[in-house]
Amino acid sequence: MKDNEIENLVRKAKRRESAAFTELMQFYLNDMYRVALAILANDEDAADAIQDTILVCWEKLDTLRQVCYFKTWMTRILINKCYRIKRSMEQTDSMEEYEEPAVYDKYNLELKEALSILDEKYRIVMTLFYSEGYHIDEIAKILKIPKSTVQTRLKRGRDKLARDYYGIERMG
């Protein structure tokens, strides 16, 4: 879908056209799933975060200032929801269970396994950069961290993957 088509859908959704909003959410569903999974590492929690995000997006759509930033705005809401879920899980002190991958899990299992060895701060930056195609400046805005921090986390995440997952020593 082209940028102008997406922006037209966002404008329609802002006018409370539910069909346009539904089409937007369906278009971004896989992107939201990858981001939520990078933070929560659990399909059920990711689904909860996505569901909450969709509801908040619908309710707060009038707060979106520029239609061209819809995906960034939506992703920021999703990340906030994921961290809330993560905090609530930590507070309940529940035991973590190993989750078997769903039969219809379209997410690349090898990539999922590789990213799982990374600390969350590296995993989310790498997911936003490589899976979602955000630029470093956009990631810095979404995560509210300096651009240099994004660059450092990308480098360290790549280095850790190369070293620990693929067994490659990187130089420099």
N, C-alpha and C. Protein backbone atom coordinates (compact mmCIF):
# COMPACT_ATOMS: atom_id res chain seq x y z
N MET A 1 0.85 -1.17 0.00
CA MET A 1 0.00 0.00 0.00
C MET A 1 0.90 1.24 0.00
N LYS A 2 0.57 2.21 -0.81
CA LYS A 2 1.38 3.42 -0.95
C LYS A 2 1.09 4.39 0.19
N ASP A 3 2.06 5.30 0.42
CA ASP A 3 1.92 6.27 1.50
C ASP A 3 0.65 7.11 1.38
N ASN A 4 0.33 7.54 0.17
CA ASN A 4 -0.87 8.38 0.01
C ASN A 4 -2.15 7.59 0.27
N GLU A 5 -2.15 6.30 -0.03
CA GLU A 5 -3.31 5.46 0.27
C GLU A 5 -3.48 5.31 1.79
N ILE A 6 -2.35 5.12 2.47
CA ILE A 6 -2.39 4.99 3.93
C ILE A 6 -2.88 6.29 4.54
N GLU A 7 -2.35 7.41 4.08
CA GLU A 7 -2.76 8.70 4.62
C GLU A 7 -4.25 8.96 4.38
N ASN A 8 -4.77 8.54 3.23
CA ASN A 8 -6.21 8.68 2.97
C ASN A 8 -7.02 7.82 3.94
N LEU A 9 -6.55 6.61 4.21
CA LEU A 9 -7.23 5.76 5.19
C LEU A 9 -7.21 6.39 6.58
N VAL A 10 -6.09 6.98 6.94
CA VAL A 10 -5.98 7.63 8.25
C VAL A 10 -6.96 8.80 8.33
N ARG A 11 -7.04 9.59 7.28
CA ARG A 11 -8.00 10.72 7.28
C ARG A 11 -9.44 10.22 7.43
N LYS A 12 -9.76 9.15 6.71
CA LYS A 12 -11.11 8.58 6.82
C LYS A 12 -11.35 8.04 8.23
N ALA A 13 -10.35 7.37 8.78
CA ALA A 13 -10.48 6.83 10.13
C ALA A 13 -10.67 7.96 11.15
N LYS A 14 -9.97 9.07 10.95
CA LYS A 14 -10.13 10.21 11.84
C LYS A 14 -11.55 10.78 11.76
N ARG A 15 -12.20 10.57 10.62
CA ARG A 15 -13.61 10.99 10.47
C ARG A 15 -14.56 9.91 10.99
N ARG A 16 -13.99 8.93 11.69
CA ARG A 16 -14.73 7.82 12.33
C ARG A 16 -15.34 6.85 11.33
N GLU A 17 -14.66 6.64 10.20
CA GLU A 17 -15.09 5.62 9.26
C GLU A 17 -14.42 4.31 9.70
N SER A 18 -15.22 3.45 10.31
CA SER A 18 -14.67 2.24 10.91
C SER A 18 -14.04 1.29 9.89
N ALA A 19 -14.57 1.25 8.69
CA ALA A 19 -14.01 0.36 7.66
C ALA A 19 -12.57 0.78 7.32
N ALA A 20 -12.32 2.07 7.25
CA ALA A 20 -10.97 2.56 6.96
C ALA A 20 -10.02 2.22 8.11
N PHE A 21 -10.51 2.39 9.34
CA PHE A 21 -9.68 2.07 10.52
C PHE A 21 -9.36 0.58 10.54
N THR A 22 -10.34 -0.25 10.27
CA THR A 22 -10.14 -1.70 10.24
C THR A 22 -9.11 -2.07 9.19
N GLU A 23 -9.18 -1.46 8.03
CA GLU A 23 -8.21 -1.75 6.97
C GLU A 23 -6.79 -1.35 7.39
N LEU A 24 -6.66 -0.20 8.07
CA LEU A 24 -5.36 0.24 8.58
C LEU A 24 -4.80 -0.78 9.57
N MET A 25 -5.63 -1.21 10.49
CA MET A 25 -5.16 -2.14 11.51
C MET A 25 -4.77 -3.49 10.89
N GLN A 26 -5.52 -3.93 9.93
CA GLN A 26 -5.16 -5.18 9.25
C GLN A 26 -3.85 -5.03 8.49
N PHE A 27 -3.64 -3.87 7.91
CA PHE A 27 -2.41 -3.62 7.16
C PHE A 27 -1.19 -3.65 8.09
N TYR A 28 -1.33 -3.12 9.29
CA TYR A 28 -0.21 -3.02 10.23
C TYR A 28 -0.14 -4.16 11.24
N LEU A 29 -1.02 -5.11 11.17
CA LEU A 29 -1.10 -6.17 12.17
C LEU A 29 0.21 -6.96 12.32
N ASN A 30 0.80 -7.38 11.22
CA ASN A 30 2.06 -8.14 11.29
C ASN A 30 3.19 -7.30 11.87
N ASP A 31 3.22 -6.02 11.51
CA ASP A 31 4.23 -5.12 12.05
C ASP A 31 4.07 -5.00 13.57
N MET A 32 2.83 -4.82 14.02
CA MET A 32 2.57 -4.70 15.45
C MET A 32 2.97 -5.99 16.18
N TYR A 33 2.67 -7.12 15.56
CA TYR A 33 3.00 -8.40 16.17
C TYR A 33 4.50 -8.55 16.38
N ARG A 34 5.29 -8.21 15.38
CA ARG A 34 6.75 -8.34 15.50
C ARG A 34 7.30 -7.44 16.60
N VAL A 35 6.78 -6.21 16.69
CA VAL A 35 7.26 -5.29 17.73
C VAL A 35 6.86 -5.81 19.11
N ALA A 36 5.61 -6.20 19.27
CA ALA A 36 5.13 -6.70 20.57
C ALA A 36 5.89 -7.96 20.98
N LEU A 37 6.14 -8.84 20.05
CA LEU A 37 6.86 -10.07 20.34
C LEU A 37 8.31 -9.79 20.74
N ALA A 38 8.91 -8.77 20.14
CA ALA A 38 10.29 -8.41 20.48
C ALA A 38 10.39 -7.96 21.94
N ILE A 39 9.34 -7.35 22.46
CA ILE A 39 9.36 -6.88 23.84
C ILE A 39 8.88 -7.95 24.80
N LEU A 40 7.79 -8.61 24.46
CA LEU A 40 7.13 -9.52 25.40
C LEU A 40 7.55 -10.98 25.26
N ALA A 41 8.02 -11.38 24.08
CA ALA A 41 8.48 -12.75 23.82
C ALA A 41 7.43 -13.81 24.14
N ASN A 42 6.16 -13.48 23.94
CA ASN A 42 5.07 -14.39 24.24
C ASN A 42 3.88 -14.04 23.35
N ASP A 43 3.36 -15.01 22.63
CA ASP A 43 2.27 -14.75 21.68
C ASP A 43 1.02 -14.19 22.35
N GLU A 44 0.63 -14.76 23.49
CA GLU A 44 -0.60 -14.31 24.15
C GLU A 44 -0.49 -12.88 24.65
N ASP A 45 0.65 -12.55 25.25
CA ASP A 45 0.85 -11.19 25.74
C ASP A 45 0.94 -10.20 24.58
N ALA A 46 1.58 -10.63 23.49
CA ALA A 46 1.66 -9.78 22.30
C ALA A 46 0.26 -9.50 21.75
N ALA A 47 -0.58 -10.54 21.73
CA ALA A 47 -1.95 -10.36 21.25
C ALA A 47 -2.73 -9.40 22.15
N ASP A 48 -2.53 -9.51 23.45
CA ASP A 48 -3.19 -8.58 24.38
C ASP A 48 -2.75 -7.15 24.13
N ALA A 49 -1.45 -6.96 23.96
CA ALA A 49 -0.92 -5.61 23.72
C ALA A 49 -1.47 -5.04 22.42
N ILE A 50 -1.56 -5.87 21.40
CA ILE A 50 -2.09 -5.41 20.10
C ILE A 50 -3.56 -5.03 20.24
N GLN A 51 -4.31 -5.86 20.92
CA GLN A 51 -5.74 -5.58 21.11
C GLN A 51 -5.93 -4.26 21.86
N ASP A 52 -5.17 -4.06 22.93
CA ASP A 52 -5.25 -2.80 23.68
C ASP A 52 -4.84 -1.62 22.82
N THR A 53 -3.81 -1.81 22.01
CA THR A 53 -3.32 -0.74 21.14
C THR A 53 -4.39 -0.34 20.12
N ILE A 54 -5.04 -1.31 19.53
CA ILE A 54 -6.08 -1.02 18.55
C ILE A 54 -7.19 -0.20 19.19
N LEU A 55 -7.60 -0.58 20.38
CA LEU A 55 -8.65 0.13 21.09
C LEU A 55 -8.23 1.57 21.39
N VAL A 56 -7.02 1.75 21.91
CA VAL A 56 -6.53 3.10 22.22
C VAL A 56 -6.41 3.93 20.96
N CYS A 57 -5.91 3.34 19.90
CA CYS A 57 -5.79 4.07 18.63
C CYS A 57 -7.15 4.59 18.16
N TRP A 58 -8.15 3.75 18.25
CA TRP A 58 -9.50 4.16 17.83
C TRP A 58 -10.02 5.28 18.72
N GLU A 59 -9.82 5.12 20.03
CA GLU A 59 -10.34 6.11 20.97
C GLU A 59 -9.59 7.44 20.90
N LYS A 60 -8.30 7.40 20.61
CA LYS A 60 -7.46 8.61 20.66
C LYS A 60 -7.05 9.11 19.28
N LEU A 61 -7.69 8.62 18.23
CA LEU A 61 -7.30 8.99 16.87
C LEU A 61 -7.33 10.49 16.64
N ASP A 62 -8.21 11.18 17.34
CA ASP A 62 -8.30 12.63 17.17
C ASP A 62 -7.07 13.36 17.73
N THR A 63 -6.24 12.68 18.53
CA THR A 63 -5.02 13.30 19.07
C THR A 63 -3.85 13.21 18.11
N LEU A 64 -3.98 12.42 17.06
CA LEU A 64 -2.92 12.31 16.05
C LEU A 64 -2.84 13.63 15.29
N ARG A 65 -1.68 14.26 15.35
CA ARG A 65 -1.54 15.58 14.74
C ARG A 65 -1.32 15.53 13.23
N GLN A 66 -0.44 14.64 12.78
CA GLN A 66 -0.13 14.56 11.36
C GLN A 66 -0.37 13.14 10.88
N VAL A 67 -1.18 13.00 9.84
CA VAL A 67 -1.53 11.66 9.35
C VAL A 67 -0.32 10.88 8.85
N CYS A 68 0.71 11.58 8.41
CA CYS A 68 1.90 10.88 7.90
C CYS A 68 2.66 10.15 9.01
N TYR A 69 2.39 10.47 10.27
CA TYR A 69 3.06 9.83 11.40
C TYR A 69 2.19 8.79 12.10
N PHE A 70 1.17 8.32 11.42
CA PHE A 70 0.26 7.36 12.04
C PHE A 70 1.00 6.12 12.55
N LYS A 71 1.85 5.51 11.71
CA LYS A 71 2.53 4.28 12.12
C LYS A 71 3.44 4.52 13.31
N THR A 72 4.15 5.63 13.32
CA THR A 72 5.02 5.97 14.44
C THR A 72 4.19 6.15 15.72
N TRP A 73 3.09 6.87 15.61
CA TRP A 73 2.18 7.12 16.73
C TRP A 73 1.63 5.80 17.26
N MET A 74 1.15 4.96 16.36
CA MET A 74 0.59 3.66 16.73
C MET A 74 1.66 2.78 17.40
N THR A 75 2.87 2.77 16.86
CA THR A 75 3.95 1.95 17.40
C THR A 75 4.33 2.42 18.80
N ARG A 76 4.33 3.72 19.03
CA ARG A 76 4.64 4.25 20.37
C ARG A 76 3.58 3.78 21.37
N ILE A 77 2.32 3.81 20.98
CA ILE A 77 1.25 3.32 21.85
C ILE A 77 1.46 1.84 22.15
N LEU A 78 1.78 1.07 21.13
CA LEU A 78 2.01 -0.37 21.29
C LEU A 78 3.17 -0.63 22.25
N ILE A 79 4.26 0.08 22.08
CA ILE A 79 5.43 -0.12 22.95
C ILE A 79 5.05 0.21 24.40
N ASN A 80 4.31 1.28 24.60
CA ASN A 80 3.87 1.62 25.97
C ASN A 80 3.01 0.51 26.55
N LYS A 81 2.10 -0.03 25.76
CA LYS A 81 1.24 -1.13 26.23
C LYS A 81 2.09 -2.35 26.58
N CYS A 82 3.06 -2.66 25.75
CA CYS A 82 3.93 -3.82 26.00
C CYS A 82 4.69 -3.65 27.31
N TYR A 83 5.22 -2.47 27.55
CA TYR A 83 5.96 -2.25 28.79
C TYR A 83 5.04 -2.31 30.01
N ARG A 84 3.80 -1.85 29.87
CA ARG A 84 2.84 -1.97 30.98
C ARG A 84 2.57 -3.44 31.30
N ILE A 85 2.36 -4.22 30.25
CA ILE A 85 2.12 -5.66 30.45
C ILE A 85 3.34 -6.30 31.11
N LYS A 86 4.51 -5.93 30.63
CA LYS A 86 5.74 -6.50 31.17
C LYS A 86 5.90 -6.14 32.64
N ARG A 87 5.62 -4.89 32.99
CA ARG A 87 5.71 -4.46 34.40
C ARG A 87 4.72 -5.23 35.26
N SER A 88 3.51 -5.41 34.75
CA SER A 88 2.50 -6.12 35.55
C SER A 88 2.90 -7.59 35.74
N MET A 89 3.54 -8.18 34.74
CA MET A 89 4.01 -9.56 34.86
C MET A 89 5.12 -9.64 35.90
N GLU A 90 6.01 -8.66 35.92
CA GLU A 90 7.10 -8.66 36.89
C GLU A 90 6.57 -8.48 38.31
N GLN A 91 5.51 -7.70 38.46
CA GLN A 91 4.94 -7.46 39.78
C GLN A 91 4.26 -8.70 40.34
N THR A 92 3.66 -9.50 39.48
CA THR A 92 2.99 -10.71 39.95
C THR A 92 3.98 -11.82 40.27
N ASP A 93 5.25 -11.62 39.84
CA ASP A 93 6.30 -12.58 40.16
C ASP A 93 5.97 -13.99 39.69
N SER A 94 5.30 -14.09 38.56
CA SER A 94 4.91 -15.41 38.08
C SER A 94 6.10 -16.11 37.42
N MET A 95 6.04 -17.43 37.41
CA MET A 95 7.09 -18.21 36.76
C MET A 95 6.93 -18.11 35.26
N GLU A 96 8.04 -17.93 34.57
CA GLU A 96 7.98 -17.89 33.11
C GLU A 96 7.95 -19.31 32.58
N GLU A 97 7.11 -19.51 31.59
CA GLU A 97 7.01 -20.83 30.96
C GLU A 97 7.56 -20.75 29.55
N TYR A 98 8.15 -21.85 29.13
CA TYR A 98 8.58 -21.93 27.75
C TYR A 98 7.35 -22.09 26.88
N GLU A 99 7.25 -21.29 25.85
CA GLU A 99 6.09 -21.33 24.99
C GLU A 99 6.42 -22.04 23.68
N GLU A 100 5.64 -23.03 23.36
CA GLU A 100 5.80 -23.71 22.08
C GLU A 100 5.30 -22.77 20.98
N PRO A 101 5.99 -22.71 19.85
CA PRO A 101 5.52 -21.85 18.77
C PRO A 101 4.18 -22.34 18.22
N ALA A 102 3.34 -21.37 17.88
CA ALA A 102 2.04 -21.70 17.31
C ALA A 102 2.24 -22.35 15.94
N VAL A 103 1.32 -23.23 15.57
CA VAL A 103 1.42 -23.93 14.29
C VAL A 103 1.41 -22.92 13.13
N TYR A 104 0.63 -21.86 13.27
CA TYR A 104 0.49 -20.90 12.19
C TYR A 104 1.34 -19.66 12.41
N ASP A 105 2.38 -19.79 13.22
CA ASP A 105 3.26 -18.67 13.51
C ASP A 105 4.01 -18.29 12.24
N LYS A 106 3.68 -17.14 11.66
CA LYS A 106 4.30 -16.72 10.41
C LYS A 106 5.64 -16.03 10.65
N TYR A 107 5.91 -15.69 11.89
CA TYR A 107 7.16 -15.03 12.23
C TYR A 107 8.31 -16.02 12.03
N ASN A 108 9.37 -15.57 11.48
CA ASN A 108 10.52 -16.42 11.22
C ASN A 108 11.07 -16.97 12.53
N LEU A 109 10.93 -18.28 12.73
CA LEU A 109 11.31 -18.89 14.00
C LEU A 109 12.81 -18.79 14.28
N GLU A 110 13.62 -18.88 13.25
CA GLU A 110 15.06 -18.76 13.47
C GLU A 110 15.41 -17.36 13.94
N LEU A 111 14.80 -16.36 13.32
CA LEU A 111 15.03 -14.98 13.74
C LEU A 111 14.53 -14.77 15.16
N LYS A 112 13.37 -15.33 15.46
CA LYS A 112 12.80 -15.22 16.80
C LYS A 112 13.76 -15.82 17.83
N GLU A 113 14.32 -16.97 17.51
CA GLU A 113 15.26 -17.63 18.41
C GLU A 113 16.54 -16.81 18.56
N ALA A 114 17.03 -16.28 17.44
CA ALA A 114 18.26 -15.48 17.49
C ALA A 114 18.05 -14.22 18.33
N LEU A 115 16.94 -13.54 18.11
CA LEU A 115 16.67 -12.30 18.86
C LEU A 115 16.44 -12.57 20.33
N SER A 116 16.00 -13.76 20.67
CA SER A 116 15.70 -14.07 22.07
C SER A 116 16.95 -14.05 22.95
N ILE A 117 18.14 -14.19 22.37
CA ILE A 117 19.35 -14.16 23.18
C ILE A 117 19.76 -12.73 23.53
N LEU A 118 19.15 -11.76 22.87
CA LEU A 118 19.51 -10.36 23.11
C LEU A 118 18.75 -9.78 24.29
N ASP A 119 19.37 -8.83 24.97
CA ASP A 119 18.65 -8.06 25.97
C ASP A 119 17.55 -7.29 25.25
N GLU A 120 16.50 -6.98 25.97
CA GLU A 120 15.34 -6.31 25.37
C GLU A 120 15.72 -5.00 24.69
N LYS A 121 16.63 -4.23 25.29
CA LYS A 121 16.97 -2.92 24.71
C LYS A 121 17.59 -3.08 23.31
N TYR A 122 18.30 -4.17 23.08
CA TYR A 122 18.85 -4.41 21.74
C TYR A 122 17.80 -5.03 20.83
N ARG A 123 17.00 -5.94 21.37
CA ARG A 123 15.98 -6.65 20.58
C ARG A 123 14.96 -5.69 19.98
N ILE A 124 14.47 -4.73 20.77
CA ILE A 124 13.44 -3.82 20.26
C ILE A 124 14.02 -2.90 19.18
N VAL A 125 15.24 -2.40 19.38
CA VAL A 125 15.87 -1.53 18.38
C VAL A 125 16.11 -2.30 17.08
N MET A 126 16.60 -3.53 17.19
CA MET A 126 16.86 -4.31 15.99
C MET A 126 15.56 -4.68 15.26
N THR A 127 14.51 -4.97 16.01
CA THR A 127 13.22 -5.28 15.39
C THR A 127 12.67 -4.07 14.65
N LEU A 128 12.71 -2.91 15.29
CA LEU A 128 12.20 -1.70 14.65
C LEU A 128 13.02 -1.36 13.40
N PHE A 129 14.34 -1.56 13.47
CA PHE A 129 15.20 -1.21 12.34
C PHE A 129 15.10 -2.22 11.20
N TYR A 130 15.28 -3.51 11.52
CA TYR A 130 15.35 -4.52 10.46
C TYR A 130 13.98 -5.06 10.04
N SER A 131 13.10 -5.31 10.97
CA SER A 131 11.80 -5.88 10.60
C SER A 131 10.80 -4.82 10.16
N GLU A 132 10.82 -3.68 10.86
CA GLU A 132 9.82 -2.65 10.58
C GLU A 132 10.30 -1.58 9.62
N GLY A 133 11.60 -1.50 9.40
CA GLY A 133 12.14 -0.55 8.43
C GLY A 133 12.19 0.89 8.90
N TYR A 134 12.13 1.11 10.22
CA TYR A 134 12.25 2.47 10.72
C TYR A 134 13.69 2.95 10.57
N HIS A 135 13.84 4.25 10.36
CA HIS A 135 15.17 4.85 10.32
C HIS A 135 15.62 5.12 11.76
N ILE A 136 16.90 5.33 11.93
CA ILE A 136 17.46 5.56 13.26
C ILE A 136 16.79 6.75 13.94
N ASP A 137 16.57 7.83 13.20
CA ASP A 137 15.90 9.01 13.77
C ASP A 137 14.51 8.67 14.28
N GLU A 138 13.77 7.88 13.51
CA GLU A 138 12.41 7.51 13.91
C GLU A 138 12.43 6.63 15.16
N ILE A 139 13.37 5.71 15.22
CA ILE A 139 13.48 4.83 16.39
C ILE A 139 13.79 5.66 17.63
N ALA A 140 14.68 6.62 17.48
CA ALA A 140 15.02 7.50 18.60
C ALA A 140 13.78 8.23 19.11
N LYS A 141 12.95 8.71 18.20
CA LYS A 141 11.71 9.40 18.61
C LYS A 141 10.75 8.44 19.29
N ILE A 142 10.55 7.27 18.69
CA ILE A 142 9.61 6.30 19.23
C ILE A 142 10.01 5.88 20.64
N LEU A 143 11.29 5.58 20.82
CA LEU A 143 11.77 5.08 22.11
C LEU A 143 12.17 6.19 23.07
N LYS A 144 12.19 7.42 22.55
CA LYS A 144 12.56 8.59 23.37
C LYS A 144 13.96 8.44 23.95
N ILE A 145 14.89 8.09 23.06
CA ILE A 145 16.29 7.97 23.43
C ILE A 145 17.12 8.70 22.37
N PRO A 146 18.36 9.08 22.69
CA PRO A 146 19.20 9.77 21.69
C PRO A 146 19.50 8.88 20.48
N LYS A 147 19.70 9.54 19.36
CA LYS A 147 20.04 8.84 18.11
C LYS A 147 21.31 8.00 18.29
N SER A 148 22.29 8.54 18.99
CA SER A 148 23.55 7.81 19.20
C SER A 148 23.32 6.53 20.00
N THR A 149 22.35 6.55 20.90
CA THR A 149 22.03 5.35 21.68
C THR A 149 21.44 4.27 20.77
N VAL A 150 20.59 4.68 19.84
CA VAL A 150 20.02 3.74 18.88
C VAL A 150 21.13 3.10 18.06
N GLN A 151 22.06 3.92 17.58
CA GLN A 151 23.17 3.41 16.78
C GLN A 151 24.03 2.43 17.58
N THR A 152 24.31 2.78 18.83
CA THR A 152 25.11 1.91 19.69
C THR A 152 24.41 0.58 19.93
N ARG A 153 23.11 0.64 20.21
CA ARG A 153 22.36 -0.59 20.47
C ARG A 153 22.28 -1.48 19.24
N LEU A 154 22.14 -0.87 18.07
CA LEU A 154 22.14 -1.65 16.83
C LEU A 154 23.48 -2.38 16.67
N LYS A 155 24.57 -1.65 16.86
CA LYS A 155 25.89 -2.25 16.70
C LYS A 155 26.11 -3.36 17.72
N ARG A 156 25.81 -3.09 18.97
CA ARG A 156 26.03 -4.09 20.01
C ARG A 156 25.12 -5.31 19.81
N GLY A 157 23.88 -5.07 19.37
CA GLY A 157 22.97 -6.18 19.09
C GLY A 157 23.48 -7.05 17.96
N ARG A 158 23.95 -6.41 16.88
CA ARG A 158 24.52 -7.16 15.75
C ARG A 158 25.74 -7.95 16.20
N ASP A 159 26.61 -7.30 16.97
CA ASP A 159 27.82 -7.96 17.44
C ASP A 159 27.48 -9.16 18.32
N LYS A 160 26.54 -9.01 19.22
CA LYS A 160 26.16 -10.11 20.11
C LYS A 160 25.56 -11.26 19.31
N LEU A 161 24.70 -10.95 18.33
CA LEU A 161 24.14 -12.01 17.48
C LEU A 161 25.25 -12.74 16.73
N ALA A 162 26.16 -11.98 16.15
CA ALA A 162 27.25 -12.59 15.38
C ALA A 162 28.10 -13.49 16.26
N ARG A 163 28.39 -13.03 17.46
CA ARG A 163 29.27 -13.76 18.37
C ARG A 163 28.56 -14.94 19.03
N ASP A 164 27.42 -14.68 19.65
CA ASP A 164 26.78 -15.69 20.49
C ASP A 164 25.87 -16.64 19.72
N TYR A 165 25.22 -16.17 18.68
CA TYR A 165 24.28 -17.02 17.96
C TYR A 165 24.94 -17.68 16.75
N TYR A 166 25.71 -16.89 16.02
CA TYR A 166 26.30 -17.42 14.79
C TYR A 166 27.76 -17.83 14.96
N GLY A 167 28.37 -17.53 16.12
CA GLY A 167 29.73 -17.93 16.39
C GLY A 167 30.78 -17.19 15.56
N ILE A 168 30.49 -15.96 15.20
CA ILE A 168 31.39 -15.17 14.37
C ILE A 168 31.97 -14.06 15.24
N GLU A 169 33.29 -13.93 15.28
CA GLU A 169 33.92 -12.80 15.97
C GLU A 169 33.99 -11.64 15.01
N ARG A 170 33.42 -10.52 15.40
CA ARG A 170 33.45 -9.33 14.55
C ARG A 170 34.65 -8.48 14.91
N MET A 171 35.20 -7.86 13.94
CA MET A 171 36.36 -6.98 14.16
C MET A 171 35.87 -5.56 14.21
N GLY A 172 36.42 -4.75 15.09
CA GLY A 172 36.14 -3.31 15.15
C GLY A 172 34.93 -3.08 15.86
